[in-house]
Amino acid sequence: MTTTEAILCGIEGVCTLEELANELDMRKPMLMARIEFMARAGYLCEVSLGKCKGFGGCTMDKTCGAPASESVKVGMRMWILT
């Protein structure tokens, strides 16, 4: 499995950035750079937290476990596979 595939599988598996970086033996800044590159390339789409639970209208509303108000406060970012 390539690093790109491993990152995509990790994102699909709903793990944290720290967990995925540890699993891939990669520094978090490098992992973030790879994720942002994959988003620009169209592999991933960042979920807009302003439209999550409590704000209404998110397509992930029924499956997302993130508390929206806390997510926005801590600067949490989430991605989904395209």
PDB file of N, CA and C in Angstrom:
ATOM      1  N   MET A   1       0.853  -1.178   0.000  1.00  0.00           N
ATOM      2  CA  MET A   1       0.000   0.000   0.000  1.00  0.00           C
ATOM      3  C   MET A   1       0.897   1.239   0.000  1.00  0.00           C
ATOM      4  N   THR A   2       0.580   2.204  -0.844  1.00  0.00           N
ATOM      5  CA  THR A   2       1.355   3.435  -0.890  1.00  0.00           C
ATOM      6  C   THR A   2       0.997   4.323   0.294  1.00  0.00           C
ATOM      7  N   THR A   3       1.808   5.329   0.539  1.00  0.00           N
ATOM      8  CA  THR A   3       1.531   6.265   1.627  1.00  0.00           C
ATOM      9  C   THR A   3       0.218   6.995   1.383  1.00  0.00           C
ATOM     10  N   THR A   4      -0.042   7.368   0.134  1.00  0.00           N
ATOM     11  CA  THR A   4      -1.296   8.041  -0.200  1.00  0.00           C
ATOM     12  C   THR A   4      -2.483   7.153   0.136  1.00  0.00           C
ATOM     13  N   GLU A   5      -2.412   5.888  -0.236  1.00  0.00           N
ATOM     14  CA  GLU A   5      -3.503   4.956   0.074  1.00  0.00           C
ATOM     15  C   GLU A   5      -3.657   4.794   1.585  1.00  0.00           C
ATOM     16  N   ALA A   6      -2.555   4.717   2.302  1.00  0.00           N
ATOM     17  CA  ALA A   6      -2.608   4.561   3.757  1.00  0.00           C
ATOM     18  C   ALA A   6      -3.252   5.785   4.413  1.00  0.00           C
ATOM     19  N   ILE A   7      -2.920   6.967   3.913  1.00  0.00           N
ATOM     20  CA  ILE A   7      -3.519   8.192   4.459  1.00  0.00           C
ATOM     21  C   ILE A   7      -5.018   8.197   4.184  1.00  0.00           C
ATOM     22  N   LEU A   8      -5.409   7.864   2.961  1.00  0.00           N
ATOM     23  CA  LEU A   8      -6.831   7.844   2.614  1.00  0.00           C
ATOM     24  C   LEU A   8      -7.591   6.811   3.442  1.00  0.00           C
ATOM     25  N   CYS A   9      -6.994   5.646   3.651  1.00  0.00           N
ATOM     26  CA  CYS A   9      -7.637   4.620   4.486  1.00  0.00           C
ATOM     27  C   CYS A   9      -7.761   5.096   5.926  1.00  0.00           C
ATOM     28  N   GLY A  10      -6.745   5.780   6.413  1.00  0.00           N
ATOM     29  CA  GLY A  10      -6.783   6.308   7.778  1.00  0.00           C
ATOM     30  C   GLY A  10      -7.857   7.356   7.954  1.00  0.00           C
ATOM     31  N   ILE A  11      -8.011   8.216   6.957  1.00  0.00           N
ATOM     32  CA  ILE A  11      -9.052   9.247   7.013  1.00  0.00           C
ATOM     33  C   ILE A  11     -10.421   8.594   6.940  1.00  0.00           C
ATOM     34  N   GLU A  12     -10.553   7.610   6.089  1.00  0.00           N
ATOM     35  CA  GLU A  12     -11.826   6.889   5.975  1.00  0.00           C
ATOM     36  C   GLU A  12     -12.139   6.166   7.280  1.00  0.00           C
ATOM     37  N   GLY A  13     -11.101   5.710   7.973  1.00  0.00           N
ATOM     38  CA  GLY A  13     -11.264   4.987   9.224  1.00  0.00           C
ATOM     39  C   GLY A  13     -11.518   5.877  10.422  1.00  0.00           C
ATOM     40  N   VAL A  14     -11.648   7.173  10.205  1.00  0.00           N
ATOM     41  CA  VAL A  14     -11.965   8.144  11.250  1.00  0.00           C
ATOM     42  C   VAL A  14     -10.967   8.077  12.410  1.00  0.00           C
ATOM     43  N   CYS A  15      -9.740   8.384  12.125  1.00  0.00           N
ATOM     44  CA  CYS A  15      -8.755   8.470  13.199  1.00  0.00           C
ATOM     45  C   CYS A  15      -8.257   9.911  13.278  1.00  0.00           C
ATOM     46  N   THR A  16      -7.574  10.218  14.362  1.00  0.00           N
ATOM     47  CA  THR A  16      -7.059  11.571  14.538  1.00  0.00           C
ATOM     48  C   THR A  16      -5.767  11.731  13.752  1.00  0.00           C
ATOM     49  N   LEU A  17      -5.371  12.962  13.559  1.00  0.00           N
ATOM     50  CA  LEU A  17      -4.132  13.260  12.870  1.00  0.00           C
ATOM     51  C   LEU A  17      -2.950  12.642  13.607  1.00  0.00           C
ATOM     52  N   GLU A  18      -2.950  12.746  14.915  1.00  0.00           N
ATOM     53  CA  GLU A  18      -1.864  12.186  15.719  1.00  0.00           C
ATOM     54  C   GLU A  18      -1.801  10.663  15.589  1.00  0.00           C
ATOM     55  N   GLU A  19      -2.953  10.003  15.653  1.00  0.00           N
ATOM     56  CA  GLU A  19      -2.993   8.542  15.505  1.00  0.00           C
ATOM     57  C   GLU A  19      -2.474   8.106  14.142  1.00  0.00           C
ATOM     58  N   LEU A  20      -2.908   8.816  13.104  1.00  0.00           N
ATOM     59  CA  LEU A  20      -2.500   8.460  11.754  1.00  0.00           C
ATOM     60  C   LEU A  20      -1.009   8.726  11.549  1.00  0.00           C
ATOM     61  N   ALA A  21      -0.513   9.833  12.063  1.00  0.00           N
ATOM     62  CA  ALA A  21       0.921  10.139  11.956  1.00  0.00           C
ATOM     63  C   ALA A  21       1.749   9.060  12.649  1.00  0.00           C
ATOM     64  N   ASN A  22       1.325   8.635  13.830  1.00  0.00           N
ATOM     65  CA  ASN A  22       2.041   7.572  14.547  1.00  0.00           C
ATOM     66  C   ASN A  22       1.999   6.262  13.775  1.00  0.00           C
ATOM     67  N   GLU A  23       0.840   5.928  13.246  1.00  0.00           N
ATOM     68  CA  GLU A  23       0.675   4.686  12.494  1.00  0.00           C
ATOM     69  C   GLU A  23       1.572   4.652  11.257  1.00  0.00           C
ATOM     70  N   LEU A  24       1.713   5.810  10.608  1.00  0.00           N
ATOM     71  CA  LEU A  24       2.501   5.888   9.386  1.00  0.00           C
ATOM     72  C   LEU A  24       3.960   6.258   9.654  1.00  0.00           C
ATOM     73  N   ASP A  25       4.305   6.446  10.926  1.00  0.00           N
ATOM     74  CA  ASP A  25       5.657   6.859  11.319  1.00  0.00           C
ATOM     75  C   ASP A  25       6.064   8.125  10.564  1.00  0.00           C
ATOM     76  N   MET A  26       5.180   9.126  10.647  1.00  0.00           N
ATOM     77  CA  MET A  26       5.352  10.374   9.910  1.00  0.00           C
ATOM     78  C   MET A  26       5.125  11.539  10.874  1.00  0.00           C
ATOM     79  N   ARG A  27       5.829  12.614  10.702  1.00  0.00           N
ATOM     80  CA  ARG A  27       5.604  13.809  11.530  1.00  0.00           C
ATOM     81  C   ARG A  27       4.257  14.442  11.141  1.00  0.00           C
ATOM     82  N   LYS A  28       3.582  15.027  12.144  1.00  0.00           N
ATOM     83  CA  LYS A  28       2.266  15.627  11.885  1.00  0.00           C
ATOM     84  C   LYS A  28       2.305  16.728  10.826  1.00  0.00           C
ATOM     85  N   PRO A  29       3.313  17.631  10.826  1.00  0.00           N
ATOM     86  CA  PRO A  29       3.316  18.661   9.774  1.00  0.00           C
ATOM     87  C   PRO A  29       3.424  18.071   8.361  1.00  0.00           C
ATOM     88  N   MET A  30       4.194  16.996   8.216  1.00  0.00           N
ATOM     89  CA  MET A  30       4.316  16.350   6.908  1.00  0.00           C
ATOM     90  C   MET A  30       2.983  15.704   6.517  1.00  0.00           C
ATOM     91  N   LEU A  31       2.326  15.066   7.467  1.00  0.00           N
ATOM     92  CA  LEU A  31       1.032  14.452   7.200  1.00  0.00           C
ATOM     93  C   LEU A  31       0.014  15.515   6.810  1.00  0.00           C
ATOM     94  N   MET A  32       0.009  16.638   7.521  1.00  0.00           N
ATOM     95  CA  MET A  32      -0.924  17.731   7.183  1.00  0.00           C
ATOM     96  C   MET A  32      -0.669  18.229   5.763  1.00  0.00           C
ATOM     97  N   ALA A  33       0.598  18.373   5.401  1.00  0.00           N
ATOM     98  CA  ALA A  33       0.935  18.837   4.056  1.00  0.00           C
ATOM     99  C   ALA A  33       0.420  17.845   3.009  1.00  0.00           C
ATOM    100  N   ARG A  34       0.571  16.554   3.272  1.00  0.00           N
ATOM    101  CA  ARG A  34       0.093  15.526   2.341  1.00  0.00           C
ATOM    102  C   ARG A  34      -1.435  15.570   2.228  1.00  0.00           C
ATOM    103  N   ILE A  35      -2.109  15.722   3.361  1.00  0.00           N
ATOM    104  CA  ILE A  35      -3.574  15.786   3.361  1.00  0.00           C
ATOM    105  C   ILE A  35      -4.054  17.003   2.588  1.00  0.00           C
ATOM    106  N   GLU A  36      -3.435  18.145   2.820  1.00  0.00           N
ATOM    107  CA  GLU A  36      -3.839  19.359   2.105  1.00  0.00           C
ATOM    108  C   GLU A  36      -3.572  19.228   0.604  1.00  0.00           C
ATOM    109  N   PHE A  37      -2.465  18.577   0.238  1.00  0.00           N
ATOM    110  CA  PHE A  37      -2.184  18.330  -1.178  1.00  0.00           C
ATOM    111  C   PHE A  37      -3.269  17.435  -1.782  1.00  0.00           C
ATOM    112  N   MET A  38      -3.641  16.364  -1.063  1.00  0.00           N
ATOM    113  CA  MET A  38      -4.675  15.461  -1.574  1.00  0.00           C
ATOM    114  C   MET A  38      -6.021  16.166  -1.695  1.00  0.00           C
ATOM    115  N   ALA A  39      -6.296  17.112  -0.811  1.00  0.00           N
ATOM    116  CA  ALA A  39      -7.532  17.889  -0.912  1.00  0.00           C
ATOM    117  C   ALA A  39      -7.502  18.764  -2.166  1.00  0.00           C
ATOM    118  N   ARG A  40      -6.359  19.416  -2.415  1.00  0.00           N
ATOM    119  CA  ARG A  40      -6.248  20.240  -3.629  1.00  0.00           C
ATOM    120  C   ARG A  40      -6.325  19.391  -4.894  1.00  0.00           C
ATOM    121  N   ALA A  41      -5.852  18.140  -4.813  1.00  0.00           N
ATOM    122  CA  ALA A  41      -5.883  17.239  -5.966  1.00  0.00           C
ATOM    123  C   ALA A  41      -7.258  16.604  -6.165  1.00  0.00           C
ATOM    124  N   GLY A  42      -8.158  16.786  -5.216  1.00  0.00           N
ATOM    125  CA  GLY A  42      -9.517  16.287  -5.372  1.00  0.00           C
ATOM    126  C   GLY A  42      -9.800  14.942  -4.730  1.00  0.00           C
ATOM    127  N   TYR A  43      -8.830  14.370  -4.005  1.00  0.00           N
ATOM    128  CA  TYR A  43      -9.059  13.093  -3.332  1.00  0.00           C
ATOM    129  C   TYR A  43      -9.899  13.256  -2.072  1.00  0.00           C
ATOM    130  N   LEU A  44      -9.794  14.413  -1.452  1.00  0.00           N
ATOM    131  CA  LEU A  44     -10.480  14.683  -0.187  1.00  0.00           C
ATOM    132  C   LEU A  44     -11.254  15.984  -0.284  1.00  0.00           C
ATOM    133  N   CYS A  45     -12.255  16.090   0.560  1.00  0.00           N
ATOM    134  CA  CYS A  45     -13.028  17.324   0.672  1.00  0.00           C
ATOM    135  C   CYS A  45     -13.103  17.666   2.155  1.00  0.00           C
ATOM    136  N   GLU A  46     -12.729  18.889   2.491  1.00  0.00           N
ATOM    137  CA  GLU A  46     -12.803  19.293   3.884  1.00  0.00           C
ATOM    138  C   GLU A  46     -14.255  19.584   4.256  1.00  0.00           C
ATOM    139  N   VAL A  47     -14.681  19.044   5.394  1.00  0.00           N
ATOM    140  CA  VAL A  47     -16.037  19.252   5.884  1.00  0.00           C
ATOM    141  C   VAL A  47     -16.086  20.631   6.526  1.00  0.00           C
ATOM    142  N   SER A  48     -17.064  21.424   6.148  1.00  0.00           N
ATOM    143  CA  SER A  48     -17.229  22.743   6.737  1.00  0.00           C
ATOM    144  C   SER A  48     -17.861  22.596   8.104  1.00  0.00           C
ATOM    145  N   LEU A  49     -17.098  22.889   9.158  1.00  0.00           N
ATOM    146  CA  LEU A  49     -17.607  22.706  10.512  1.00  0.00           C
ATOM    147  C   LEU A  49     -18.682  23.717  10.870  1.00  0.00           C
ATOM    148  N   GLY A  50     -18.759  24.791  10.133  1.00  0.00           N
ATOM    149  CA  GLY A  50     -19.802  25.772  10.398  1.00  0.00           C
ATOM    150  C   GLY A  50     -21.183  25.244  10.066  1.00  0.00           C
ATOM    151  N   LYS A  51     -21.251  24.108   9.358  1.00  0.00           N
ATOM    152  CA  LYS A  51     -22.538  23.528   8.981  1.00  0.00           C
ATOM    153  C   LYS A  51     -22.773  22.194   9.665  1.00  0.00           C
ATOM    154  N   CYS A  52     -22.033  21.920  10.718  1.00  0.00           N
ATOM    155  CA  CYS A  52     -22.174  20.643  11.422  1.00  0.00           C
ATOM    156  C   CYS A  52     -23.328  20.689  12.421  1.00  0.00           C
ATOM    157  N   LYS A  53     -23.439  19.582  13.178  1.00  0.00           N
ATOM    158  CA  LYS A  53     -24.496  19.460  14.186  1.00  0.00           C
ATOM    159  C   LYS A  53     -24.613  20.743  14.998  1.00  0.00           C
ATOM    160  N   GLY A  54     -25.815  21.088  15.280  1.00  0.00           N
ATOM    161  CA  GLY A  54     -26.031  22.302  16.046  1.00  0.00           C
ATOM    162  C   GLY A  54     -26.134  23.527  15.145  1.00  0.00           C
ATOM    163  N   PHE A  55     -25.585  23.431  13.939  1.00  0.00           N
ATOM    164  CA  PHE A  55     -25.667  24.533  12.995  1.00  0.00           C
ATOM    165  C   PHE A  55     -26.598  24.185  11.846  1.00  0.00           C
ATOM    166  N   GLY A  56     -26.881  22.881  11.663  1.00  0.00           N
ATOM    167  CA  GLY A  56     -27.830  22.410  10.657  1.00  0.00           C
ATOM    168  C   GLY A  56     -27.268  22.340   9.249  1.00  0.00           C
ATOM    169  N   GLY A  57     -27.731  21.358   8.489  1.00  0.00           N
ATOM    170  CA  GLY A  57     -27.436  21.287   7.073  1.00  0.00           C
ATOM    171  C   GLY A  57     -26.264  20.446   6.627  1.00  0.00           C
ATOM    172  N   CYS A  58     -25.482  19.873   7.532  1.00  0.00           N
ATOM    173  CA  CYS A  58     -24.320  19.082   7.119  1.00  0.00           C
ATOM    174  C   CYS A  58     -24.771  17.723   6.601  1.00  0.00           C
ATOM    175  N   THR A  59     -24.144  17.260   5.519  1.00  0.00           N
ATOM    176  CA  THR A  59     -24.487  15.955   4.957  1.00  0.00           C
ATOM    177  C   THR A  59     -24.026  14.814   5.859  1.00  0.00           C
ATOM    178  N   MET A  60     -23.095  15.080   6.765  1.00  0.00           N
ATOM    179  CA  MET A  60     -22.569  14.060   7.675  1.00  0.00           C
ATOM    180  C   MET A  60     -23.292  14.105   9.036  1.00  0.00           C
ATOM    181  N   ASP A  61     -24.328  14.887   9.145  1.00  0.00           N
ATOM    182  CA  ASP A  61     -24.992  15.148  10.425  1.00  0.00           C
ATOM    183  C   ASP A  61     -25.379  13.887  11.190  1.00  0.00           C
ATOM    184  N   LYS A  62     -25.871  12.871  10.508  1.00  0.00           N
ATOM    185  CA  LYS A  62     -26.344  11.672  11.194  1.00  0.00           C
ATOM    186  C   LYS A  62     -25.215  10.724  11.604  1.00  0.00           C
ATOM    187  N   THR A  63     -24.045  10.840  10.973  1.00  0.00           N
ATOM    188  CA  THR A  63     -22.946   9.926  11.273  1.00  0.00           C
ATOM    189  C   THR A  63     -21.790  10.575  12.013  1.00  0.00           C
ATOM    190  N   CYS A  64     -21.726  11.872  12.029  1.00  0.00           N
ATOM    191  CA  CYS A  64     -20.599  12.580  12.651  1.00  0.00           C
ATOM    192  C   CYS A  64     -20.762  12.603  14.163  1.00  0.00           C
ATOM    193  N   GLY A  65     -19.687  12.286  14.862  1.00  0.00           N
ATOM    194  CA  GLY A  65     -19.726  12.297  16.316  1.00  0.00           C
ATOM    195  C   GLY A  65     -19.077  13.532  16.920  1.00  0.00           C
ATOM    196  N   ALA A  66     -18.608  14.439  16.084  1.00  0.00           N
ATOM    197  CA  ALA A  66     -17.911  15.618  16.598  1.00  0.00           C
ATOM    198  C   ALA A  66     -18.901  16.634  17.150  1.00  0.00           C
ATOM    199  N   PRO A  67     -18.676  17.094  18.366  1.00  0.00           N
ATOM    200  CA  PRO A  67     -19.518  18.166  18.899  1.00  0.00           C
ATOM    201  C   PRO A  67     -19.142  19.471  18.216  1.00  0.00           C
ATOM    202  N   ALA A  68     -20.017  19.998  17.389  1.00  0.00           N
ATOM    203  CA  ALA A  68     -19.691  21.128  16.523  1.00  0.00           C
ATOM    204  C   ALA A  68     -19.174  22.342  17.276  1.00  0.00           C
ATOM    205  N   SER A  69     -19.817  22.711  18.367  1.00  0.00           N
ATOM    206  CA  SER A  69     -19.379  23.924  19.055  1.00  0.00           C
ATOM    207  C   SER A  69     -17.957  23.769  19.574  1.00  0.00           C
ATOM    208  N   GLU A  70     -17.613  22.599  20.080  1.00  0.00           N
ATOM    209  CA  GLU A  70     -16.245  22.349  20.558  1.00  0.00           C
ATOM    210  C   GLU A  70     -15.281  22.252  19.391  1.00  0.00           C
ATOM    211  N   SER A  71     -15.703  21.664  18.274  1.00  0.00           N
ATOM    212  CA  SER A  71     -14.847  21.506  17.099  1.00  0.00           C
ATOM    213  C   SER A  71     -14.377  22.857  16.587  1.00  0.00           C
ATOM    214  N   VAL A  72     -15.290  23.804  16.541  1.00  0.00           N
ATOM    215  CA  VAL A  72     -14.957  25.133  16.047  1.00  0.00           C
ATOM    216  C   VAL A  72     -13.995  25.815  17.009  1.00  0.00           C
ATOM    217  N   LYS A  73     -14.209  25.642  18.304  1.00  0.00           N
ATOM    218  CA  LYS A  73     -13.352  26.279  19.309  1.00  0.00           C
ATOM    219  C   LYS A  73     -11.916  25.798  19.242  1.00  0.00           C
ATOM    220  N   VAL A  74     -11.710  24.515  19.058  1.00  0.00           N
ATOM    221  CA  VAL A  74     -10.353  23.961  19.066  1.00  0.00           C
ATOM    222  C   VAL A  74      -9.723  23.942  17.682  1.00  0.00           C
ATOM    223  N   GLY A  75     -10.406  24.420  16.672  1.00  0.00           N
ATOM    224  CA  GLY A  75      -9.858  24.469  15.328  1.00  0.00           C
ATOM    225  C   GLY A  75      -9.765  23.106  14.662  1.00  0.00           C
ATOM    226  N   MET A  76     -10.646  22.212  15.019  1.00  0.00           N
ATOM    227  CA  MET A  76     -10.640  20.865  14.448  1.00  0.00           C
ATOM    228  C   MET A  76     -11.023  20.936  12.969  1.00  0.00           C
ATOM    229  N   ARG A  77     -10.320  20.129  12.164  1.00  0.00           N
ATOM    230  CA  ARG A  77     -10.620  20.041  10.744  1.00  0.00           C
ATOM    231  C   ARG A  77     -10.950  18.591  10.431  1.00  0.00           C
ATOM    232  N   MET A  78     -11.905  18.399   9.515  1.00  0.00           N
ATOM    233  CA  MET A  78     -12.314  17.048   9.133  1.00  0.00           C
ATOM    234  C   MET A  78     -12.370  16.958   7.619  1.00  0.00           C
ATOM    235  N   TRP A  79     -12.028  15.766   7.106  1.00  0.00           N
ATOM    236  CA  TRP A  79     -12.060  15.517   5.672  1.00  0.00           C
ATOM    237  C   TRP A  79     -12.878  14.271   5.382  1.00  0.00           C
ATOM    238  N   ILE A  80     -13.455  14.229   4.195  1.00  0.00           N
ATOM    239  CA  ILE A  80     -14.129  13.028   3.713  1.00  0.00           C
ATOM    240  C   ILE A  80     -13.546  12.695   2.345  1.00  0.00           C
ATOM    241  N   LEU A  81     -13.619  11.423   1.978  1.00  0.00           N
ATOM    242  CA  LEU A  81     -13.144  10.995   0.669  1.00  0.00           C
ATOM    243  C   LEU A  81     -14.115  11.455  -0.403  1.00  0.00           C
ATOM    244  N   THR A  82     -13.602  11.846  -1.547  1.00  0.00           N
ATOM    245  CA  THR A  82     -14.489  12.283  -2.624  1.00  0.00           C
ATOM    246  C   THR A  82     -14.819  11.121  -3.527  1.00  0.00           C
TER     247      THR A  82
END
